Amino acid sequence: STAPDDELWFPEATDTATTREAIATCLGCPVLLLCRQAAAEEERGDG
């Protein structure tokens, strides 16, 4: 919510460097588990 660049969270599928950077940033987040839970609820059963 405080990151200046929203593009970090939506990397291209082939851009592994940006994907790793986003994941590393997420792992330091204080609400990581709440975010995972919300994503699981919102995407339940989606392909």
ModelCIF file with pLDDT and N, C-alpha, C, O atoms, coordinates in Angstrom:
data_MODEL
#
_entry.id   MODEL 
#
_entity.id                         1 
_entity.type                       polymer 
_entity.pdbx_number_of_molecules   1 
#
_entity_poly.entity_id                      1 
_entity_poly.type                           'polypeptide(L)' 
_entity_poly.nstd_linkage                   no 
_entity_poly.nstd_monomer                   no 
_entity_poly.pdbx_seq_one_letter_code       STAPDDELWFPEATDTATTREAIATCLGCPVLLLCRQAAAEEERGDG 
_entity_poly.pdbx_seq_one_letter_code_can   STAPDDELWFPEATDTATTREAIATCLGCPVLLLCRQAAAEEERGDG 
_entity_poly.pdbx_strand_id                 A 
#
loop_
_entity_poly_seq.entity_id 
_entity_poly_seq.num 
_entity_poly_seq.mon_id 
_entity_poly_seq.hetero 
1 1  SER n 
1 2  THR n 
1 3  ALA n 
1 4  PRO n 
1 5  ASP n 
1 6  ASP n 
1 7  GLU n 
1 8  LEU n 
1 9  TRP n 
1 10 PHE n 
1 11 PRO n 
1 12 GLU n 
1 13 ALA n 
1 14 THR n 
1 15 ASP n 
1 16 THR n 
1 17 ALA n 
1 18 THR n 
1 19 THR n 
1 20 ARG n 
1 21 GLU n 
1 22 ALA n 
1 23 ILE n 
1 24 ALA n 
1 25 THR n 
1 26 CYS n 
1 27 LEU n 
1 28 GLY n 
1 29 CYS n 
1 30 PRO n 
1 31 VAL n 
1 32 LEU n 
1 33 LEU n 
1 34 LEU n 
1 35 CYS n 
1 36 ARG n 
1 37 GLN n 
1 38 ALA n 
1 39 ALA n 
1 40 ALA n 
1 41 GLU n 
1 42 GLU n 
1 43 GLU n 
1 44 ARG n 
1 45 GLY n 
1 46 ASP n 
1 47 GLY n 
#
_struct_asym.id          A 
_struct_asym.entity_id   1 
#
loop_
_ma_qa_metric.id 
_ma_qa_metric.mode 
_ma_qa_metric.name 
_ma_qa_metric.software_group_id 
_ma_qa_metric.type 
1 global pLDDT . pLDDT 
2 local  pLDDT . pLDDT 
#
_ma_qa_metric_global.metric_id      1 
_ma_qa_metric_global.metric_value   87.68 
_ma_qa_metric_global.model_id       1 
_ma_qa_metric_global.ordinal_id     1 
#
loop_
_ma_qa_metric_local.label_asym_id 
_ma_qa_metric_local.label_comp_id 
_ma_qa_metric_local.label_seq_id 
_ma_qa_metric_local.metric_id 
_ma_qa_metric_local.metric_value 
_ma_qa_metric_local.model_id 
_ma_qa_metric_local.ordinal_id 
A SER 1  2 86.00 1 1  
A THR 2  2 84.00 1 2  
A ALA 3  2 80.00 1 3  
A PRO 4  2 78.00 1 4  
A ASP 5  2 77.00 1 5  
A ASP 6  2 81.00 1 6  
A GLU 7  2 86.00 1 7  
A LEU 8  2 87.00 1 8  
A TRP 9  2 88.00 1 9  
A PHE 10 2 90.00 1 10 
A PRO 11 2 89.00 1 11 
A GLU 12 2 88.00 1 12 
A ALA 13 2 82.00 1 13 
A THR 14 2 87.00 1 14 
A ASP 15 2 89.00 1 15 
A THR 16 2 90.00 1 16 
A ALA 17 2 92.00 1 17 
A THR 18 2 91.00 1 18 
A THR 19 2 91.00 1 19 
A ARG 20 2 92.00 1 20 
A GLU 21 2 91.00 1 21 
A ALA 22 2 91.00 1 22 
A ILE 23 2 91.00 1 23 
A ALA 24 2 91.00 1 24 
A THR 25 2 90.00 1 25 
A CYS 26 2 90.00 1 26 
A LEU 27 2 90.00 1 27 
A GLY 28 2 90.00 1 28 
A CYS 29 2 91.00 1 29 
A PRO 30 2 92.00 1 30 
A VAL 31 2 91.00 1 31 
A LEU 32 2 90.00 1 32 
A LEU 33 2 90.00 1 33 
A LEU 34 2 91.00 1 34 
A CYS 35 2 91.00 1 35 
A ARG 36 2 90.00 1 36 
A GLN 37 2 90.00 1 37 
A ALA 38 2 90.00 1 38 
A ALA 39 2 89.00 1 39 
A ALA 40 2 88.00 1 40 
A GLU 41 2 89.00 1 41 
A GLU 42 2 89.00 1 42 
A GLU 43 2 86.00 1 43 
A ARG 44 2 85.00 1 44 
A GLY 45 2 79.00 1 45 
A ASP 46 2 80.00 1 46 
A GLY 47 2 78.00 1 47 
#
loop_
_atom_site.group_PDB 
_atom_site.id 
_atom_site.type_symbol 
_atom_site.label_atom_id 
_atom_site.label_alt_id 
_atom_site.label_comp_id 
_atom_site.label_asym_id 
_atom_site.label_entity_id 
_atom_site.label_seq_id 
_atom_site.pdbx_PDB_ins_code 
_atom_site.Cartn_x 
_atom_site.Cartn_y 
_atom_site.Cartn_z 
_atom_site.occupancy 
_atom_site.B_iso_or_equiv 
_atom_site.pdbx_formal_charge 
_atom_site.auth_seq_id 
_atom_site.auth_comp_id 
_atom_site.auth_asym_id 
_atom_site.auth_atom_id 
_atom_site.pdbx_PDB_model_num 
ATOM 1   N N  . SER A 1 1  ? 0.818   -1.216  0.000   1.00 86.00 ? 1  SER A N  1 
ATOM 2   C CA . SER A 1 1  ? 0.000   0.000   0.000   1.00 86.00 ? 1  SER A CA 1 
ATOM 3   C C  . SER A 1 1  ? 0.851   1.265   0.000   1.00 86.00 ? 1  SER A C  1 
ATOM 4   O O  . SER A 1 1  ? 0.376   2.338   -0.371  1.00 86.00 ? 1  SER A O  1 
ATOM 5   N N  . THR A 1 2  ? 2.105   1.139   0.415   1.00 84.00 ? 2  THR A N  1 
ATOM 6   C CA . THR A 1 2  ? 2.980   2.309   0.443   1.00 84.00 ? 2  THR A CA 1 
ATOM 7   C C  . THR A 1 2  ? 4.041   2.275   -0.649  1.00 84.00 ? 2  THR A C  1 
ATOM 8   O O  . THR A 1 2  ? 4.846   3.199   -0.765  1.00 84.00 ? 2  THR A O  1 
ATOM 9   N N  . ALA A 1 3  ? 4.046   1.214   -1.447  1.00 80.00 ? 3  ALA A N  1 
ATOM 10  C CA . ALA A 1 3  ? 5.055   1.096   -2.514  1.00 80.00 ? 3  ALA A CA 1 
ATOM 11  C C  . ALA A 1 3  ? 4.762   2.118   -3.609  1.00 80.00 ? 3  ALA A C  1 
ATOM 12  O O  . ALA A 1 3  ? 3.609   2.288   -4.005  1.00 80.00 ? 3  ALA A O  1 
ATOM 13  N N  . PRO A 1 4  ? 5.800   2.803   -4.103  1.00 78.00 ? 4  PRO A N  1 
ATOM 14  C CA . PRO A 1 4  ? 5.577   3.822   -5.129  1.00 78.00 ? 4  PRO A CA 1 
ATOM 15  C C  . PRO A 1 4  ? 5.263   3.244   -6.501  1.00 78.00 ? 4  PRO A C  1 
ATOM 16  O O  . PRO A 1 4  ? 4.710   3.943   -7.351  1.00 78.00 ? 4  PRO A O  1 
ATOM 17  N N  . ASP A 1 5  ? 5.605   1.987   -6.731  1.00 77.00 ? 5  ASP A N  1 
ATOM 18  C CA . ASP A 1 5  ? 5.454   1.406   -8.063  1.00 77.00 ? 5  ASP A CA 1 
ATOM 19  C C  . ASP A 1 5  ? 4.545   0.181   -8.006  1.00 77.00 ? 5  ASP A C  1 
ATOM 20  O O  . ASP A 1 5  ? 4.938   -0.863  -7.485  1.00 77.00 ? 5  ASP A O  1 
ATOM 21  N N  . ASP A 1 6  ? 3.319   0.310   -8.547  1.00 81.00 ? 6  ASP A N  1 
ATOM 22  C CA . ASP A 1 6  ? 2.390   -0.823  -8.584  1.00 81.00 ? 6  ASP A CA 1 
ATOM 23  C C  . ASP A 1 6  ? 2.816   -1.888  -9.581  1.00 81.00 ? 6  ASP A C  1 
ATOM 24  O O  . ASP A 1 6  ? 2.352   -3.026  -9.499  1.00 81.00 ? 6  ASP A O  1 
ATOM 25  N N  . GLU A 1 7  ? 3.686   -1.546  -10.516 1.00 86.00 ? 7  GLU A N  1 
ATOM 26  C CA . GLU A 1 7  ? 4.147   -2.502  -11.524 1.00 86.00 ? 7  GLU A CA 1 
ATOM 27  C C  . GLU A 1 7  ? 4.925   -3.655  -10.888 1.00 86.00 ? 7  GLU A C  1 
ATOM 28  O O  . GLU A 1 7  ? 5.023   -4.737  -11.468 1.00 86.00 ? 7  GLU A O  1 
ATOM 29  N N  . LEU A 1 8  ? 5.476   -3.423  -9.699  1.00 87.00 ? 8  LEU A N  1 
ATOM 30  C CA . LEU A 1 8  ? 6.240   -4.464  -9.019  1.00 87.00 ? 8  LEU A CA 1 
ATOM 31  C C  . LEU A 1 8  ? 5.371   -5.686  -8.740  1.00 87.00 ? 8  LEU A C  1 
ATOM 32  O O  . LEU A 1 8  ? 5.857   -6.814  -8.812  1.00 87.00 ? 8  LEU A O  1 
ATOM 33  N N  . TRP A 1 9  ? 4.089   -5.479  -8.422  1.00 88.00 ? 9  TRP A N  1 
ATOM 34  C CA . TRP A 1 9  ? 3.196   -6.566  -8.016  1.00 88.00 ? 9  TRP A CA 1 
ATOM 35  C C  . TRP A 1 9  ? 2.580   -7.297  -9.210  1.00 88.00 ? 9  TRP A C  1 
ATOM 36  O O  . TRP A 1 9  ? 1.934   -8.330  -9.036  1.00 88.00 ? 9  TRP A O  1 
ATOM 37  N N  . PHE A 1 10 ? 2.778   -6.765  -10.425 1.00 90.00 ? 10 PHE A N  1 
ATOM 38  C CA . PHE A 1 10 ? 2.203   -7.389  -11.614 1.00 90.00 ? 10 PHE A CA 1 
ATOM 39  C C  . PHE A 1 10 ? 3.273   -7.577  -12.685 1.00 90.00 ? 10 PHE A C  1 
ATOM 40  O O  . PHE A 1 10 ? 3.177   -7.000  -13.768 1.00 90.00 ? 10 PHE A O  1 
ATOM 41  N N  . PRO A 1 11 ? 4.299   -8.389  -12.385 1.00 89.00 ? 11 PRO A N  1 
ATOM 42  C CA . PRO A 1 11 ? 5.376   -8.594  -13.360 1.00 89.00 ? 11 PRO A CA 1 
ATOM 43  C C  . PRO A 1 11 ? 4.918   -9.498  -14.507 1.00 89.00 ? 11 PRO A C  1 
ATOM 44  O O  . PRO A 1 11 ? 3.972   -10.273 -14.369 1.00 89.00 ? 11 PRO A O  1 
ATOM 45  N N  . GLU A 1 12 ? 5.603   -9.381  -15.623 1.00 88.00 ? 12 GLU A N  1 
ATOM 46  C CA . GLU A 1 12 ? 5.352   -10.294 -16.738 1.00 88.00 ? 12 GLU A CA 1 
ATOM 47  C C  . GLU A 1 12 ? 5.753   -11.711 -16.286 1.00 88.00 ? 12 GLU A C  1 
ATOM 48  O O  . GLU A 1 12 ? 6.610   -11.881 -15.418 1.00 88.00 ? 12 GLU A O  1 
ATOM 49  N N  . ALA A 1 13 ? 5.124   -12.702 -16.885 1.00 82.00 ? 13 ALA A N  1 
ATOM 50  C CA . ALA A 1 13 ? 5.389   -14.091 -16.486 1.00 82.00 ? 13 ALA A CA 1 
ATOM 51  C C  . ALA A 1 13 ? 6.851   -14.476 -16.690 1.00 82.00 ? 13 ALA A C  1 
ATOM 52  O O  . ALA A 1 13 ? 7.370   -15.335 -15.977 1.00 82.00 ? 13 ALA A O  1 
ATOM 53  N N  . THR A 1 14 ? 7.518   -13.849 -17.657 1.00 87.00 ? 14 THR A N  1 
ATOM 54  C CA . THR A 1 14 ? 8.911   -14.199 -17.944 1.00 87.00 ? 14 THR A CA 1 
ATOM 55  C C  . THR A 1 14 ? 9.911   -13.359 -17.156 1.00 87.00 ? 14 THR A C  1 
ATOM 56  O O  . THR A 1 14 ? 11.113  -13.615 -17.225 1.00 87.00 ? 14 THR A O  1 
ATOM 57  N N  . ASP A 1 15 ? 9.442   -12.368 -16.413 1.00 89.00 ? 15 ASP A N  1 
ATOM 58  C CA . ASP A 1 15 ? 10.326  -11.465 -15.674 1.00 89.00 ? 15 ASP A CA 1 
ATOM 59  C C  . ASP A 1 15 ? 10.583  -12.020 -14.271 1.00 89.00 ? 15 ASP A C  1 
ATOM 60  O O  . ASP A 1 15 ? 9.942   -11.612 -13.302 1.00 89.00 ? 15 ASP A O  1 
ATOM 61  N N  . THR A 1 16 ? 11.526  -12.952 -14.182 1.00 90.00 ? 16 THR A N  1 
ATOM 62  C CA . THR A 1 16 ? 11.776  -13.612 -12.896 1.00 90.00 ? 16 THR A CA 1 
ATOM 63  C C  . THR A 1 16 ? 12.428  -12.683 -11.882 1.00 90.00 ? 16 THR A C  1 
ATOM 64  O O  . THR A 1 16 ? 12.208  -12.837 -10.681 1.00 90.00 ? 16 THR A O  1 
ATOM 65  N N  . ALA A 1 17 ? 13.218  -11.733 -12.334 1.00 92.00 ? 17 ALA A N  1 
ATOM 66  C CA . ALA A 1 17 ? 13.887  -10.826 -11.395 1.00 92.00 ? 17 ALA A CA 1 
ATOM 67  C C  . ALA A 1 17 ? 12.857  -9.978  -10.648 1.00 92.00 ? 17 ALA A C  1 
ATOM 68  O O  . ALA A 1 17 ? 12.946  -9.832  -9.429  1.00 92.00 ? 17 ALA A O  1 
ATOM 69  N N  . THR A 1 18 ? 11.883  -9.419  -11.368 1.00 91.00 ? 18 THR A N  1 
ATOM 70  C CA . THR A 1 18 ? 10.846  -8.602  -10.734 1.00 91.00 ? 18 THR A CA 1 
ATOM 71  C C  . THR A 1 18 ? 9.957   -9.471  -9.854  1.00 91.00 ? 18 THR A C  1 
ATOM 72  O O  . THR A 1 18 ? 9.544   -9.043  -8.776  1.00 91.00 ? 18 THR A O  1 
ATOM 73  N N  . THR A 1 19 ? 9.661   -10.675 -10.300 1.00 91.00 ? 19 THR A N  1 
ATOM 74  C CA . THR A 1 19 ? 8.842   -11.592 -9.503  1.00 91.00 ? 19 THR A CA 1 
ATOM 75  C C  . THR A 1 19 ? 9.531   -11.899 -8.180  1.00 91.00 ? 19 THR A C  1 
ATOM 76  O O  . THR A 1 19 ? 8.899   -11.868 -7.124  1.00 91.00 ? 19 THR A O  1 
ATOM 77  N N  . ARG A 1 20 ? 10.819  -12.193 -8.238  1.00 92.00 ? 20 ARG A N  1 
ATOM 78  C CA . ARG A 1 20 ? 11.566  -12.484 -6.999  1.00 92.00 ? 20 ARG A CA 1 
ATOM 79  C C  . ARG A 1 20 ? 11.625  -11.266 -6.085  1.00 92.00 ? 20 ARG A C  1 
ATOM 80  O O  . ARG A 1 20 ? 11.520  -11.394 -4.865  1.00 92.00 ? 20 ARG A O  1 
ATOM 81  N N  . GLU A 1 21 ? 11.792  -10.084 -6.675  1.00 91.00 ? 21 GLU A N  1 
ATOM 82  C CA . GLU A 1 21 ? 11.828  -8.859  -5.874  1.00 91.00 ? 21 GLU A CA 1 
ATOM 83  C C  . GLU A 1 21 ? 10.490  -8.637  -5.168  1.00 91.00 ? 21 GLU A C  1 
ATOM 84  O O  . GLU A 1 21 ? 10.459  -8.273  -3.992  1.00 91.00 ? 21 GLU A O  1 
ATOM 85  N N  . ALA A 1 22 ? 9.391   -8.857  -5.879  1.00 91.00 ? 22 ALA A N  1 
ATOM 86  C CA . ALA A 1 22 ? 8.064   -8.681  -5.289  1.00 91.00 ? 22 ALA A CA 1 
ATOM 87  C C  . ALA A 1 22 ? 7.834   -9.700  -4.172  1.00 91.00 ? 22 ALA A C  1 
ATOM 88  O O  . ALA A 1 22 ? 7.311   -9.355  -3.113  1.00 91.00 ? 22 ALA A O  1 
ATOM 89  N N  . ILE A 1 23 ? 8.219   -10.939 -4.408  1.00 91.00 ? 23 ILE A N  1 
ATOM 90  C CA . ILE A 1 23 ? 8.039   -11.974 -3.386  1.00 91.00 ? 23 ILE A CA 1 
ATOM 91  C C  . ILE A 1 23 ? 8.883   -11.666 -2.160  1.00 91.00 ? 23 ILE A C  1 
ATOM 92  O O  . ILE A 1 23 ? 8.414   -11.813 -1.032  1.00 91.00 ? 23 ILE A O  1 
ATOM 93  N N  . ALA A 1 24 ? 10.121  -11.241 -2.368  1.00 91.00 ? 24 ALA A N  1 
ATOM 94  C CA . ALA A 1 24 ? 10.993  -10.902 -1.243  1.00 91.00 ? 24 ALA A CA 1 
ATOM 95  C C  . ALA A 1 24 ? 10.412  -9.742  -0.442  1.00 91.00 ? 24 ALA A C  1 
ATOM 96  O O  . ALA A 1 24 ? 10.494  -9.730  0.787   1.00 91.00 ? 24 ALA A O  1 
ATOM 97  N N  . THR A 1 25 ? 9.829   -8.775  -1.129  1.00 90.00 ? 25 THR A N  1 
ATOM 98  C CA . THR A 1 25 ? 9.200   -7.648  -0.450  1.00 90.00 ? 25 THR A CA 1 
ATOM 99  C C  . THR A 1 25 ? 7.998   -8.122  0.351   1.00 90.00 ? 25 THR A C  1 
ATOM 100 O O  . THR A 1 25 ? 7.809   -7.708  1.495   1.00 90.00 ? 25 THR A O  1 
ATOM 101 N N  . CYS A 1 26 ? 7.190   -8.981  -0.239  1.00 90.00 ? 26 CYS A N  1 
ATOM 102 C CA . CYS A 1 26 ? 5.997   -9.515  0.448   1.00 90.00 ? 26 CYS A CA 1 
ATOM 103 C C  . CYS A 1 26 ? 6.370   -10.275 1.717   1.00 90.00 ? 26 CYS A C  1 
ATOM 104 O O  . CYS A 1 26 ? 5.672   -10.182 2.727   1.00 90.00 ? 26 CYS A O  1 
ATOM 105 N N  . LEU A 1 27 ? 7.462   -11.022 1.667   1.00 90.00 ? 27 LEU A N  1 
ATOM 106 C CA . LEU A 1 27 ? 7.831   -11.853 2.810   1.00 90.00 ? 27 LEU A CA 1 
ATOM 107 C C  . LEU A 1 27 ? 8.178   -11.027 4.043   1.00 90.00 ? 27 LEU A C  1 
ATOM 108 O O  . LEU A 1 27 ? 8.170   -11.548 5.158   1.00 90.00 ? 27 LEU A O  1 
ATOM 109 N N  . GLY A 1 28 ? 8.483   -9.740  3.853   1.00 90.00 ? 28 GLY A N  1 
ATOM 110 C CA . GLY A 1 28 ? 8.759   -8.872  4.988   1.00 90.00 ? 28 GLY A CA 1 
ATOM 111 C C  . GLY A 1 28 ? 7.539   -8.101  5.462   1.00 90.00 ? 28 GLY A C  1 
ATOM 112 O O  . GLY A 1 28 ? 7.657   -7.248  6.342   1.00 90.00 ? 28 GLY A O  1 
ATOM 113 N N  . CYS A 1 29 ? 6.375   -8.379  4.901   1.00 91.00 ? 29 CYS A N  1 
ATOM 114 C CA . CYS A 1 29 ? 5.156   -7.640  5.198   1.00 91.00 ? 29 CYS A CA 1 
ATOM 115 C C  . CYS A 1 29 ? 4.524   -8.108  6.507   1.00 91.00 ? 29 CYS A C  1 
ATOM 116 O O  . CYS A 1 29 ? 4.463   -9.311  6.761   1.00 91.00 ? 29 CYS A O  1 
ATOM 117 N N  . PRO A 1 30 ? 4.051   -7.177  7.346   1.00 92.00 ? 30 PRO A N  1 
ATOM 118 C CA . PRO A 1 30 ? 3.446   -7.579  8.618   1.00 92.00 ? 30 PRO A CA 1 
ATOM 119 C C  . PRO A 1 30 ? 2.076   -8.231  8.470   1.00 92.00 ? 30 PRO A C  1 
ATOM 120 O O  . PRO A 1 30 ? 1.611   -8.885  9.404   1.00 92.00 ? 30 PRO A O  1 
ATOM 121 N N  . VAL A 1 31 ? 1.416   -8.075  7.327   1.00 91.00 ? 31 VAL A N  1 
ATOM 122 C CA . VAL A 1 31 ? 0.090   -8.658  7.133   1.00 91.00 ? 31 VAL A CA 1 
ATOM 123 C C  . VAL A 1 31 ? 0.101   -9.734  6.053   1.00 91.00 ? 31 VAL A C  1 
ATOM 124 O O  . VAL A 1 31 ? -0.898  -9.935  5.363   1.00 91.00 ? 31 VAL A O  1 
ATOM 125 N N  . LEU A 1 32 ? 1.227   -10.424 5.907   1.00 90.00 ? 32 LEU A N  1 
ATOM 126 C CA . LEU A 1 32 ? 1.396   -11.440 4.869   1.00 90.00 ? 32 LEU A CA 1 
ATOM 127 C C  . LEU A 1 32 ? 0.316   -12.514 4.931   1.00 90.00 ? 32 LEU A C  1 
ATOM 128 O O  . LEU A 1 32 ? -0.289  -12.836 3.909   1.00 90.00 ? 32 LEU A O  1 
ATOM 129 N N  . LEU A 1 33 ? 0.067   -13.069 6.103   1.00 90.00 ? 33 LEU A N  1 
ATOM 130 C CA . LEU A 1 33 ? -0.900  -14.166 6.216   1.00 90.00 ? 33 LEU A CA 1 
ATOM 131 C C  . LEU A 1 33 ? -2.322  -13.694 5.950   1.00 90.00 ? 33 LEU A C  1 
ATOM 132 O O  . LEU A 1 33 ? -3.116  -14.432 5.366   1.00 90.00 ? 33 LEU A O  1 
ATOM 133 N N  . LEU A 1 34 ? -2.660  -12.476 6.367   1.00 91.00 ? 34 LEU A N  1 
ATOM 134 C CA . LEU A 1 34 ? -3.982  -11.937 6.067   1.00 91.00 ? 34 LEU A CA 1 
ATOM 135 C C  . LEU A 1 34 ? -4.160  -11.750 4.570   1.00 91.00 ? 34 LEU A C  1 
ATOM 136 O O  . LEU A 1 34 ? -5.241  -11.990 4.031   1.00 91.00 ? 34 LEU A O  1 
ATOM 137 N N  . CYS A 1 35 ? -3.102  -11.322 3.902   1.00 91.00 ? 35 CYS A N  1 
ATOM 138 C CA . CYS A 1 35 ? -3.133  -11.137 2.456   1.00 91.00 ? 35 CYS A CA 1 
ATOM 139 C C  . CYS A 1 35 ? -3.330  -12.477 1.752   1.00 91.00 ? 35 CYS A C  1 
ATOM 140 O O  . CYS A 1 35 ? -4.133  -12.578 0.825   1.00 91.00 ? 35 CYS A O  1 
ATOM 141 N N  . ARG A 1 36 ? -2.610  -13.496 2.184   1.00 90.00 ? 36 ARG A N  1 
ATOM 142 C CA . ARG A 1 36 ? -2.764  -14.825 1.586   1.00 90.00 ? 36 ARG A CA 1 
ATOM 143 C C  . ARG A 1 36 ? -4.170  -15.357 1.781   1.00 90.00 ? 36 ARG A C  1 
ATOM 144 O O  . ARG A 1 36 ? -4.755  -15.955 0.878   1.00 90.00 ? 36 ARG A O  1 
ATOM 145 N N  . GLN A 1 37 ? -4.708  -15.131 2.977   1.00 90.00 ? 37 GLN A N  1 
ATOM 146 C CA . GLN A 1 37 ? -6.049  -15.602 3.271   1.00 90.00 ? 37 GLN A CA 1 
ATOM 147 C C  . GLN A 1 37 ? -7.075  -14.885 2.396   1.00 90.00 ? 37 GLN A C  1 
ATOM 148 O O  . GLN A 1 37 ? -7.990  -15.514 1.865   1.00 90.00 ? 37 GLN A O  1 
ATOM 149 N N  . ALA A 1 38 ? -6.923  -13.580 2.246   1.00 90.00 ? 38 ALA A N  1 
ATOM 150 C CA . ALA A 1 38 ? -7.849  -12.815 1.407   1.00 90.00 ? 38 ALA A CA 1 
ATOM 151 C C  . ALA A 1 38 ? -7.755  -13.259 -0.048  1.00 90.00 ? 38 ALA A C  1 
ATOM 152 O O  . ALA A 1 38 ? -8.774  -13.398 -0.725  1.00 90.00 ? 38 ALA A O  1 
ATOM 153 N N  . ALA A 1 39 ? -6.540  -13.481 -0.525  1.00 89.00 ? 39 ALA A N  1 
ATOM 154 C CA . ALA A 1 39 ? -6.363  -13.952 -1.906  1.00 89.00 ? 39 ALA A CA 1 
ATOM 155 C C  . ALA A 1 39 ? -7.014  -15.315 -2.090  1.00 89.00 ? 39 ALA A C  1 
ATOM 156 O O  . ALA A 1 39 ? -7.656  -15.559 -3.112  1.00 89.00 ? 39 ALA A O  1 
ATOM 157 N N  . ALA A 1 40 ? -6.858  -16.196 -1.126  1.00 88.00 ? 40 ALA A N  1 
ATOM 158 C CA . ALA A 1 40 ? -7.444  -17.534 -1.219  1.00 88.00 ? 40 ALA A CA 1 
ATOM 159 C C  . ALA A 1 40 ? -8.970  -17.456 -1.256  1.00 88.00 ? 40 ALA A C  1 
ATOM 160 O O  . ALA A 1 40 ? -9.613  -18.188 -2.008  1.00 88.00 ? 40 ALA A O  1 
ATOM 161 N N  . GLU A 1 41 ? -9.543  -16.574 -0.450  1.00 89.00 ? 41 GLU A N  1 
ATOM 162 C CA . GLU A 1 41 ? -11.001 -16.437 -0.421  1.00 89.00 ? 41 GLU A CA 1 
ATOM 163 C C  . GLU A 1 41 ? -11.524 -15.818 -1.709  1.00 89.00 ? 41 GLU A C  1 
ATOM 164 O O  . GLU A 1 41 ? -12.546 -16.253 -2.240  1.00 89.00 ? 41 GLU A O  1 
ATOM 165 N N  . GLU A 1 42 ? -10.827 -14.806 -2.211  1.00 89.00 ? 42 GLU A N  1 
ATOM 166 C CA . GLU A 1 42 ? -11.291 -14.118 -3.421  1.00 89.00 ? 42 GLU A CA 1 
ATOM 167 C C  . GLU A 1 42 ? -11.127 -14.975 -4.673  1.00 89.00 ? 42 GLU A C  1 
ATOM 168 O O  . GLU A 1 42 ? -11.928 -14.867 -5.602  1.00 89.00 ? 42 GLU A O  1 
ATOM 169 N N  . GLU A 1 43 ? -10.102 -15.821 -4.710  1.00 86.00 ? 43 GLU A N  1 
ATOM 170 C CA . GLU A 1 43 ? -9.805  -16.594 -5.913  1.00 86.00 ? 43 GLU A CA 1 
ATOM 171 C C  . GLU A 1 43 ? -10.259 -18.051 -5.810  1.00 86.00 ? 43 GLU A C  1 
ATOM 172 O O  . GLU A 1 43 ? -9.920  -18.862 -6.673  1.00 86.00 ? 43 GLU A O  1 
ATOM 173 N N  . ARG A 1 44 ? -11.005 -18.388 -4.791  1.00 85.00 ? 44 ARG A N  1 
ATOM 174 C CA . ARG A 1 44 ? -11.397 -19.777 -4.538  1.00 85.00 ? 44 ARG A CA 1 
ATOM 175 C C  . ARG A 1 44 ? -12.022 -20.407 -5.779  1.00 85.00 ? 44 ARG A C  1 
ATOM 176 O O  . ARG A 1 44 ? -13.029 -19.928 -6.301  1.00 85.00 ? 44 ARG A O  1 
ATOM 177 N N  . GLY A 1 45 ? -11.396 -21.500 -6.242  1.00 79.00 ? 45 GLY A N  1 
ATOM 178 C CA . GLY A 1 45 ? -11.919 -22.253 -7.373  1.00 79.00 ? 45 GLY A CA 1 
ATOM 179 C C  . GLY A 1 45 ? -11.588 -21.683 -8.740  1.00 79.00 ? 45 GLY A C  1 
ATOM 180 O O  . GLY A 1 45 ? -11.899 -22.317 -9.749  1.00 79.00 ? 45 GLY A O  1 
ATOM 181 N N  . ASP A 1 46 ? -10.967 -20.505 -8.813  1.00 80.00 ? 46 ASP A N  1 
ATOM 182 C CA . ASP A 1 46 ? -10.613 -19.908 -10.100 1.00 80.00 ? 46 ASP A CA 1 
ATOM 183 C C  . ASP A 1 46 ? -9.441  -20.653 -10.732 1.00 80.00 ? 46 ASP A C  1 
ATOM 184 O O  . ASP A 1 46 ? -8.626  -21.247 -10.026 1.00 80.00 ? 46 ASP A O  1 
ATOM 185 N N  . GLY A 1 47 ? -9.359  -20.621 -12.031 1.00 78.00 ? 47 GLY A N  1 
ATOM 186 C CA . GLY A 1 47 ? -8.255  -21.247 -12.743 1.00 78.00 ? 47 GLY A CA 1 
ATOM 187 C C  . GLY A 1 47 ? -7.019  -20.370 -12.739 1.00 78.00 ? 47 GLY A C  1 
ATOM 188 O O  . GLY A 1 47 ? -5.991  -20.750 -13.300 1.00 78.00 ? 47 GLY A O  1 
#
